Amino acid sequence: MMGPMDGAHSILLIRHAKAGSRSTWDGDDDSQRPLTPKGQRQAEALAARWHDRVTAVQSSPFLRCVETITPLAARVGVEIEVV
């Protein structure tokens, strides 16, 4: 007998990790502002916390978003689908 959550899927929505300051960034903010070292540590922690619950990874094309999710995708062994 199946319960109400059998076969259900969850979506984990993540805002990007700590990125460089928008006010001091000289490049294209929308697509090229990278993570700070703190943001890189946050991305690694995210991968450690959620790797066993993730089967697919999607990301905004913005660099800071892709950088946030890259360690998770690598740990899970999936490609990032940029949407």
PDB file of N, CA and C in Angstrom:
ATOM      1  N   MET A   1       0.836  -1.170   0.000  1.00  0.00           N
ATOM      2  CA  MET A   1       0.000   0.000   0.000  1.00  0.00           C
ATOM      3  C   MET A   1       0.890   1.244   0.000  1.00  0.00           C
ATOM      4  N   MET A   2       0.593   2.199  -0.863  1.00  0.00           N
ATOM      5  CA  MET A   2       1.399   3.408  -0.973  1.00  0.00           C
ATOM      6  C   MET A   2       0.833   4.501  -0.062  1.00  0.00           C
ATOM      7  N   GLY A   3       1.746   5.227   0.573  1.00  0.00           N
ATOM      8  CA  GLY A   3       1.342   6.354   1.403  1.00  0.00           C
ATOM      9  C   GLY A   3       1.304   7.624   0.579  1.00  0.00           C
ATOM     10  N   PRO A   4       0.892   8.739   1.182  1.00  0.00           N
ATOM     11  CA  PRO A   4       0.738   9.994   0.436  1.00  0.00           C
ATOM     12  C   PRO A   4       2.038  10.566  -0.115  1.00  0.00           C
ATOM     13  N   MET A   5       3.188  10.184   0.419  1.00  0.00           N
ATOM     14  CA  MET A   5       4.456  10.737  -0.047  1.00  0.00           C
ATOM     15  C   MET A   5       5.233   9.759  -0.925  1.00  0.00           C
ATOM     16  N   ASP A   6       4.740   8.531  -1.092  1.00  0.00           N
ATOM     17  CA  ASP A   6       5.433   7.566  -1.941  1.00  0.00           C
ATOM     18  C   ASP A   6       5.471   8.080  -3.372  1.00  0.00           C
ATOM     19  N   GLY A   7       6.635   8.065  -3.961  1.00  0.00           N
ATOM     20  CA  GLY A   7       6.784   8.529  -5.331  1.00  0.00           C
ATOM     21  C   GLY A   7       6.841  10.042  -5.463  1.00  0.00           C
ATOM     22  N   ALA A   8       6.752  10.756  -4.354  1.00  0.00           N
ATOM     23  CA  ALA A   8       6.792  12.218  -4.399  1.00  0.00           C
ATOM     24  C   ALA A   8       8.236  12.692  -4.564  1.00  0.00           C
ATOM     25  N   HIS A   9       8.379  13.849  -5.140  1.00  0.00           N
ATOM     26  CA  HIS A   9       9.693  14.456  -5.318  1.00  0.00           C
ATOM     27  C   HIS A   9       9.734  15.767  -4.556  1.00  0.00           C
ATOM     28  N   SER A  10      10.892  16.117  -4.075  1.00  0.00           N
ATOM     29  CA  SER A  10      11.087  17.397  -3.407  1.00  0.00           C
ATOM     30  C   SER A  10      11.976  18.278  -4.265  1.00  0.00           C
ATOM     31  N   ILE A  11      11.799  19.564  -4.135  1.00  0.00           N
ATOM     32  CA  ILE A  11      12.658  20.537  -4.806  1.00  0.00           C
ATOM     33  C   ILE A  11      13.342  21.361  -3.729  1.00  0.00           C
ATOM     34  N   LEU A  12      14.636  21.420  -3.812  1.00  0.00           N
ATOM     35  CA  LEU A  12      15.442  22.217  -2.897  1.00  0.00           C
ATOM     36  C   LEU A  12      15.820  23.498  -3.639  1.00  0.00           C
ATOM     37  N   LEU A  13      15.316  24.623  -3.192  1.00  0.00           N
ATOM     38  CA  LEU A  13      15.598  25.907  -3.832  1.00  0.00           C
ATOM     39  C   LEU A  13      16.661  26.626  -3.007  1.00  0.00           C
ATOM     40  N   ILE A  14      17.765  26.950  -3.650  1.00  0.00           N
ATOM     41  CA  ILE A  14      18.907  27.538  -2.953  1.00  0.00           C
ATOM     42  C   ILE A  14      19.265  28.872  -3.574  1.00  0.00           C
ATOM     43  N   ARG A  15      19.384  29.880  -2.742  1.00  0.00           N
ATOM     44  CA  ARG A  15      19.908  31.165  -3.201  1.00  0.00           C
ATOM     45  C   ARG A  15      21.425  31.026  -3.270  1.00  0.00           C
ATOM     46  N   HIS A  16      22.055  31.755  -4.152  1.00  0.00           N
ATOM     47  CA  HIS A  16      23.510  31.626  -4.283  1.00  0.00           C
ATOM     48  C   HIS A  16      24.219  31.936  -2.971  1.00  0.00           C
ATOM     49  N   ALA A  17      25.392  31.355  -2.822  1.00  0.00           N
ATOM     50  CA  ALA A  17      26.224  31.601  -1.651  1.00  0.00           C
ATOM     51  C   ALA A  17      26.781  33.031  -1.715  1.00  0.00           C
ATOM     52  N   LYS A  18      27.553  33.390  -0.723  1.00  0.00           N
ATOM     53  CA  LYS A  18      28.098  34.748  -0.609  1.00  0.00           C
ATOM     54  C   LYS A  18      28.938  35.100  -1.832  1.00  0.00           C
ATOM     55  N   ALA A  19      28.511  36.141  -2.516  1.00  0.00           N
ATOM     56  CA  ALA A  19      29.235  36.626  -3.691  1.00  0.00           C
ATOM     57  C   ALA A  19      29.918  37.948  -3.341  1.00  0.00           C
ATOM     58  N   GLY A  20      30.820  38.365  -4.208  1.00  0.00           N
ATOM     59  CA  GLY A  20      31.489  39.643  -4.003  1.00  0.00           C
ATOM     60  C   GLY A  20      30.487  40.786  -3.946  1.00  0.00           C
ATOM     61  N   SER A  21      30.887  41.867  -3.359  1.00  0.00           N
ATOM     62  CA  SER A  21      30.020  43.034  -3.201  1.00  0.00           C
ATOM     63  C   SER A  21      29.597  43.597  -4.554  1.00  0.00           C
ATOM     64  N   ARG A  22      28.319  43.784  -4.716  1.00  0.00           N
ATOM     65  CA  ARG A  22      27.782  44.340  -5.961  1.00  0.00           C
ATOM     66  C   ARG A  22      28.328  45.754  -6.187  1.00  0.00           C
ATOM     67  N   SER A  23      28.468  46.519  -5.114  1.00  0.00           N
ATOM     68  CA  SER A  23      28.899  47.915  -5.260  1.00  0.00           C
ATOM     69  C   SER A  23      30.369  48.053  -5.646  1.00  0.00           C
ATOM     70  N   THR A  24      31.180  47.059  -5.342  1.00  0.00           N
ATOM     71  CA  THR A  24      32.597  47.151  -5.695  1.00  0.00           C
ATOM     72  C   THR A  24      32.959  46.290  -6.898  1.00  0.00           C
ATOM     73  N   TRP A  25      32.003  45.514  -7.413  1.00  0.00           N
ATOM     74  CA  TRP A  25      32.259  44.657  -8.565  1.00  0.00           C
ATOM     75  C   TRP A  25      32.287  45.509  -9.814  1.00  0.00           C
ATOM     76  N   ASP A  26      33.312  45.353 -10.637  1.00  0.00           N
ATOM     77  CA  ASP A  26      33.502  46.179 -11.821  1.00  0.00           C
ATOM     78  C   ASP A  26      33.012  45.507 -13.111  1.00  0.00           C
ATOM     79  N   GLY A  27      32.711  44.219 -13.030  1.00  0.00           N
ATOM     80  CA  GLY A  27      32.291  43.491 -14.227  1.00  0.00           C
ATOM     81  C   GLY A  27      30.777  43.436 -14.362  1.00  0.00           C
ATOM     82  N   ASP A  28      30.330  42.564 -15.240  1.00  0.00           N
ATOM     83  CA  ASP A  28      28.905  42.345 -15.464  1.00  0.00           C
ATOM     84  C   ASP A  28      28.321  41.657 -14.235  1.00  0.00           C
ATOM     85  N   ASP A  29      27.525  42.389 -13.473  1.00  0.00           N
ATOM     86  CA  ASP A  29      26.990  41.862 -12.218  1.00  0.00           C
ATOM     87  C   ASP A  29      26.056  40.689 -12.448  1.00  0.00           C
ATOM     88  N   ASP A  30      25.227  40.768 -13.469  1.00  0.00           N
ATOM     89  CA  ASP A  30      24.232  39.729 -13.680  1.00  0.00           C
ATOM     90  C   ASP A  30      24.846  38.364 -13.945  1.00  0.00           C
ATOM     91  N   SER A  31      25.914  38.321 -14.705  1.00  0.00           N
ATOM     92  CA  SER A  31      26.403  37.007 -15.097  1.00  0.00           C
ATOM     93  C   SER A  31      27.803  36.655 -14.615  1.00  0.00           C
ATOM     94  N   GLN A  32      28.593  37.611 -14.158  1.00  0.00           N
ATOM     95  CA  GLN A  32      30.002  37.303 -13.907  1.00  0.00           C
ATOM     96  C   GLN A  32      30.499  37.545 -12.484  1.00  0.00           C
ATOM     97  N   ARG A  33      29.666  38.030 -11.570  1.00  0.00           N
ATOM     98  CA  ARG A  33      30.149  38.269 -10.197  1.00  0.00           C
ATOM     99  C   ARG A  33      30.336  36.927  -9.485  1.00  0.00           C
ATOM    100  N   PRO A  34      31.566  36.609  -9.073  1.00  0.00           N
ATOM    101  CA  PRO A  34      31.863  35.287  -8.501  1.00  0.00           C
ATOM    102  C   PRO A  34      31.608  35.222  -7.000  1.00  0.00           C
ATOM    103  N   LEU A  35      31.713  34.009  -6.486  1.00  0.00           N
ATOM    104  CA  LEU A  35      31.631  33.801  -5.045  1.00  0.00           C
ATOM    105  C   LEU A  35      32.897  34.311  -4.367  1.00  0.00           C
ATOM    106  N   THR A  36      32.753  34.701  -3.127  1.00  0.00           N
ATOM    107  CA  THR A  36      33.900  35.041  -2.290  1.00  0.00           C
ATOM    108  C   THR A  36      34.452  33.733  -1.710  1.00  0.00           C
ATOM    109  N   PRO A  37      35.608  33.789  -1.052  1.00  0.00           N
ATOM    110  CA  PRO A  37      36.088  32.575  -0.372  1.00  0.00           C
ATOM    111  C   PRO A  37      35.053  32.033   0.629  1.00  0.00           C
ATOM    112  N   LYS A  38      34.361  32.926   1.334  1.00  0.00           N
ATOM    113  CA  LYS A  38      33.306  32.476   2.244  1.00  0.00           C
ATOM    114  C   LYS A  38      32.201  31.764   1.458  1.00  0.00           C
ATOM    115  N   GLY A  39      31.824  32.307   0.318  1.00  0.00           N
ATOM    116  CA  GLY A  39      30.813  31.684  -0.518  1.00  0.00           C
ATOM    117  C   GLY A  39      31.246  30.318  -1.011  1.00  0.00           C
ATOM    118  N   GLN A  40      32.526  30.168  -1.321  1.00  0.00           N
ATOM    119  CA  GLN A  40      33.043  28.865  -1.751  1.00  0.00           C
ATOM    120  C   GLN A  40      32.948  27.849  -0.621  1.00  0.00           C
ATOM    121  N   ARG A  41      33.213  28.287   0.598  1.00  0.00           N
ATOM    122  CA  ARG A  41      33.072  27.390   1.759  1.00  0.00           C
ATOM    123  C   ARG A  41      31.602  27.025   1.968  1.00  0.00           C
ATOM    124  N   GLN A  42      30.710  28.002   1.765  1.00  0.00           N
ATOM    125  CA  GLN A  42      29.280  27.726   1.892  1.00  0.00           C
ATOM    126  C   GLN A  42      28.837  26.699   0.844  1.00  0.00           C
ATOM    127  N   ALA A  43      29.350  26.810  -0.367  1.00  0.00           N
ATOM    128  CA  ALA A  43      29.010  25.868  -1.431  1.00  0.00           C
ATOM    129  C   ALA A  43      29.477  24.454  -1.082  1.00  0.00           C
ATOM    130  N   GLU A  44      30.662  24.346  -0.516  1.00  0.00           N
ATOM    131  CA  GLU A  44      31.171  23.039  -0.090  1.00  0.00           C
ATOM    132  C   GLU A  44      30.310  22.465   1.036  1.00  0.00           C
ATOM    133  N   ALA A  45      29.905  23.313   1.973  1.00  0.00           N
ATOM    134  CA  ALA A  45      29.054  22.858   3.082  1.00  0.00           C
ATOM    135  C   ALA A  45      27.690  22.403   2.561  1.00  0.00           C
ATOM    136  N   LEU A  46      27.179  23.103   1.577  1.00  0.00           N
ATOM    137  CA  LEU A  46      25.914  22.729   0.950  1.00  0.00           C
ATOM    138  C   LEU A  46      26.022  21.322   0.352  1.00  0.00           C
ATOM    139  N   ALA A  47      27.105  21.065  -0.335  1.00  0.00           N
ATOM    140  CA  ALA A  47      27.317  19.744  -0.940  1.00  0.00           C
ATOM    141  C   ALA A  47      27.397  18.660   0.128  1.00  0.00           C
ATOM    142  N   ALA A  48      28.089  18.945   1.211  1.00  0.00           N
ATOM    143  CA  ALA A  48      28.211  17.964   2.292  1.00  0.00           C
ATOM    144  C   ALA A  48      26.858  17.683   2.937  1.00  0.00           C
ATOM    145  N   ARG A  49      26.027  18.689   3.046  1.00  0.00           N
ATOM    146  CA  ARG A  49      24.733  18.553   3.721  1.00  0.00           C
ATOM    147  C   ARG A  49      23.679  17.857   2.870  1.00  0.00           C
ATOM    148  N   TRP A  50      23.651  18.117   1.568  1.00  0.00           N
ATOM    149  CA  TRP A  50      22.528  17.677   0.739  1.00  0.00           C
ATOM    150  C   TRP A  50      22.861  16.602  -0.297  1.00  0.00           C
ATOM    151  N   HIS A  51      24.107  16.169  -0.416  1.00  0.00           N
ATOM    152  CA  HIS A  51      24.485  15.262  -1.502  1.00  0.00           C
ATOM    153  C   HIS A  51      23.688  13.959  -1.543  1.00  0.00           C
ATOM    154  N   ASP A  52      23.254  13.477  -0.403  1.00  0.00           N
ATOM    155  CA  ASP A  52      22.550  12.196  -0.387  1.00  0.00           C
ATOM    156  C   ASP A  52      21.056  12.311  -0.679  1.00  0.00           C
ATOM    157  N   ARG A  53      20.580  13.522  -0.935  1.00  0.00           N
ATOM    158  CA  ARG A  53      19.163  13.731  -1.218  1.00  0.00           C
ATOM    159  C   ARG A  53      18.913  14.300  -2.614  1.00  0.00           C
ATOM    160  N   VAL A  54      19.967  14.491  -3.372  1.00  0.00           N
ATOM    161  CA  VAL A  54      19.847  15.164  -4.663  1.00  0.00           C
ATOM    162  C   VAL A  54      20.076  14.165  -5.795  1.00  0.00           C
ATOM    163  N   THR A  55      19.228  14.244  -6.824  1.00  0.00           N
ATOM    164  CA  THR A  55      19.392  13.383  -7.990  1.00  0.00           C
ATOM    165  C   THR A  55      19.565  14.182  -9.278  1.00  0.00           C
ATOM    166  N   ALA A  56      19.264  15.468  -9.242  1.00  0.00           N
ATOM    167  CA  ALA A  56      19.419  16.337 -10.409  1.00  0.00           C
ATOM    168  C   ALA A  56      19.713  17.748  -9.911  1.00  0.00           C
ATOM    169  N   VAL A  57      20.441  18.515 -10.719  1.00  0.00           N
ATOM    170  CA  VAL A  57      20.824  19.872 -10.331  1.00  0.00           C
ATOM    171  C   VAL A  57      20.565  20.824 -11.496  1.00  0.00           C
ATOM    172  N   GLN A  58      19.846  21.896 -11.197  1.00  0.00           N
ATOM    173  CA  GLN A  58      19.616  22.958 -12.177  1.00  0.00           C
ATOM    174  C   GLN A  58      20.118  24.262 -11.580  1.00  0.00           C
ATOM    175  N   SER A  59      20.512  25.184 -12.444  1.00  0.00           N
ATOM    176  CA  SER A  59      21.024  26.467 -11.972  1.00  0.00           C
ATOM    177  C   SER A  59      20.722  27.576 -12.966  1.00  0.00           C
ATOM    178  N   SER A  60      20.619  28.760 -12.439  1.00  0.00           N
ATOM    179  CA  SER A  60      20.638  29.967 -13.256  1.00  0.00           C
ATOM    180  C   SER A  60      22.000  30.011 -13.955  1.00  0.00           C
ATOM    181  N   PRO A  61      22.098  30.686 -15.079  1.00  0.00           N
ATOM    182  CA  PRO A  61      23.403  30.784 -15.740  1.00  0.00           C
ATOM    183  C   PRO A  61      24.369  31.749 -15.041  1.00  0.00           C
ATOM    184  N   PHE A  62      23.910  32.522 -14.075  1.00  0.00           N
ATOM    185  CA  PHE A  62      24.795  33.479 -13.401  1.00  0.00           C
ATOM    186  C   PHE A  62      25.943  32.733 -12.731  1.00  0.00           C
ATOM    187  N   LEU A  63      27.153  33.240 -12.883  1.00  0.00           N
ATOM    188  CA  LEU A  63      28.351  32.583 -12.373  1.00  0.00           C
ATOM    189  C   LEU A  63      28.235  32.242 -10.898  1.00  0.00           C
ATOM    190  N   ARG A  64      27.771  33.167 -10.079  1.00  0.00           N
ATOM    191  CA  ARG A  64      27.692  32.917  -8.638  1.00  0.00           C
ATOM    192  C   ARG A  64      26.736  31.770  -8.320  1.00  0.00           C
ATOM    193  N   CYS A  65      25.710  31.582  -9.126  1.00  0.00           N
ATOM    194  CA  CYS A  65      24.755  30.485  -8.926  1.00  0.00           C
ATOM    195  C   CYS A  65      25.377  29.151  -9.323  1.00  0.00           C
ATOM    196  N   VAL A  66      26.034  29.126 -10.463  1.00  0.00           N
ATOM    197  CA  VAL A  66      26.696  27.904 -10.925  1.00  0.00           C
ATOM    198  C   VAL A  66      27.803  27.516  -9.941  1.00  0.00           C
ATOM    199  N   GLU A  67      28.585  28.489  -9.485  1.00  0.00           N
ATOM    200  CA  GLU A  67      29.653  28.192  -8.522  1.00  0.00           C
ATOM    201  C   GLU A  67      29.087  27.644  -7.213  1.00  0.00           C
ATOM    202  N   THR A  68      27.916  28.113  -6.806  1.00  0.00           N
ATOM    203  CA  THR A  68      27.300  27.641  -5.570  1.00  0.00           C
ATOM    204  C   THR A  68      26.940  26.166  -5.663  1.00  0.00           C
ATOM    205  N   ILE A  69      26.477  25.727  -6.795  1.00  0.00           N
ATOM    206  CA  ILE A  69      25.941  24.384  -6.938  1.00  0.00           C
ATOM    207  C   ILE A  69      26.949  23.377  -7.518  1.00  0.00           C
ATOM    208  N   THR A  70      28.079  23.854  -8.018  1.00  0.00           N
ATOM    209  CA  THR A  70      29.075  22.971  -8.622  1.00  0.00           C
ATOM    210  C   THR A  70      29.588  21.887  -7.668  1.00  0.00           C
ATOM    211  N   PRO A  71      29.948  22.203  -6.421  1.00  0.00           N
ATOM    212  CA  PRO A  71      30.420  21.123  -5.541  1.00  0.00           C
ATOM    213  C   PRO A  71      29.351  20.051  -5.291  1.00  0.00           C
ATOM    214  N   LEU A  72      28.097  20.458  -5.204  1.00  0.00           N
ATOM    215  CA  LEU A  72      27.010  19.502  -5.003  1.00  0.00           C
ATOM    216  C   LEU A  72      26.863  18.599  -6.224  1.00  0.00           C
ATOM    217  N   ALA A  73      26.824  19.183  -7.390  1.00  0.00           N
ATOM    218  CA  ALA A  73      26.689  18.386  -8.618  1.00  0.00           C
ATOM    219  C   ALA A  73      27.857  17.417  -8.763  1.00  0.00           C
ATOM    220  N   ALA A  74      29.071  17.879  -8.454  1.00  0.00           N
ATOM    221  CA  ALA A  74      30.246  17.012  -8.546  1.00  0.00           C
ATOM    222  C   ALA A  74      30.151  15.853  -7.560  1.00  0.00           C
ATOM    223  N   ARG A  75      29.721  16.147  -6.366  1.00  0.00           N
ATOM    224  CA  ARG A  75      29.622  15.107  -5.337  1.00  0.00           C
ATOM    225  C   ARG A  75      28.552  14.073  -5.676  1.00  0.00           C
ATOM    226  N   VAL A  76      27.458  14.532  -6.288  1.00  0.00           N
ATOM    227  CA  VAL A  76      26.381  13.635  -6.675  1.00  0.00           C
ATOM    228  C   VAL A  76      26.733  12.900  -7.972  1.00  0.00           C
ATOM    229  N   GLY A  77      27.586  13.512  -8.795  1.00  0.00           N
ATOM    230  CA  GLY A  77      27.982  12.892 -10.061  1.00  0.00           C
ATOM    231  C   GLY A  77      27.010  13.188 -11.181  1.00  0.00           C
ATOM    232  N   VAL A  78      26.440  14.402 -11.166  1.00  0.00           N
ATOM    233  CA  VAL A  78      25.517  14.805 -12.226  1.00  0.00           C
ATOM    234  C   VAL A  78      25.989  16.103 -12.866  1.00  0.00           C
ATOM    235  N   GLU A  79      25.551  16.327 -14.082  1.00  0.00           N
ATOM    236  CA  GLU A  79      25.824  17.583 -14.771  1.00  0.00           C
ATOM    237  C   GLU A  79      24.837  18.641 -14.279  1.00  0.00           C
ATOM    238  N   ILE A  80      25.276  19.879 -14.269  1.00  0.00           N
ATOM    239  CA  ILE A  80      24.383  20.991 -13.932  1.00  0.00           C
ATOM    240  C   ILE A  80      23.585  21.349 -15.186  1.00  0.00           C
ATOM    241  N   GLU A  81      22.280  21.359 -15.052  1.00  0.00           N
ATOM    242  CA  GLU A  81      21.432  21.815 -16.155  1.00  0.00           C
ATOM    243  C   GLU A  81      21.200  23.309 -15.962  1.00  0.00           C
ATOM    244  N   VAL A  82      21.753  24.107 -16.858  1.00  0.00           N
ATOM    245  CA  VAL A  82      21.598  25.563 -16.764  1.00  0.00           C
ATOM    246  C   VAL A  82      20.277  25.938 -17.419  1.00  0.00           C
ATOM    247  N   VAL A  83      19.424  26.580 -16.644  1.00  0.00           N
ATOM    248  CA  VAL A  83      18.102  26.975 -17.148  1.00  0.00           C
ATOM    249  C   VAL A  83      17.880  28.457 -16.938  1.00  0.00           C
TER     250      VAL A  83
END
